């Protein structure tokens, strides 16, 4: 069996199962909505998830080092959605484990010799490497979200503090220790 040929021949089925496994990680009603609408305007999240997973799938089954930047870009696009939706890291990265299960269950009867198994293990190692890359990207995106939230809080409370200081005539160079000792 030629693994790449089998994967390319089964692409539609494998990809459909993989995309559905991601949509199944959403609450039931959301998952139904995402599955049913592949229109980029009426369902942009479902559309983008499906598009990014298809791109990732193609890069995974036809893996080469030259595809790494494109893989990273697709991962970044997909993971941005999951980070903003506040998915746990384990749920977010689980889609790679699902892909391995889907591939294995669909190709299990076609693994005829040690070479086939070796090729499958190489593919699974590639998927694992990309999953580890996804963890790094996820953490980076999550940190960026926290940074944005922290800056927003600083701005919000900074403006509030400025208004309070202005209202009560407190100089912005107010030194708490100096003013307290003057009153003693």
Foldseek 3Di string as FASTA:
>chain_A
DPLLVVCVVCVVVLLLQLLLLLLVLDPPVSSVVLNPDLDCVVRVLSVLLSVLSSQLSVCLSVPDPVCVVVLLVSLLSNLLVVVVVPDDLCSSLCSLVVSLVSSCVVCVVVQDDPVSVVVSVVSNVSSVVSSVVSSVSNVVSNVVVVVVVVVVVCVVVVVVVVVVCVVVVNDPVDDPVVVVVVVD
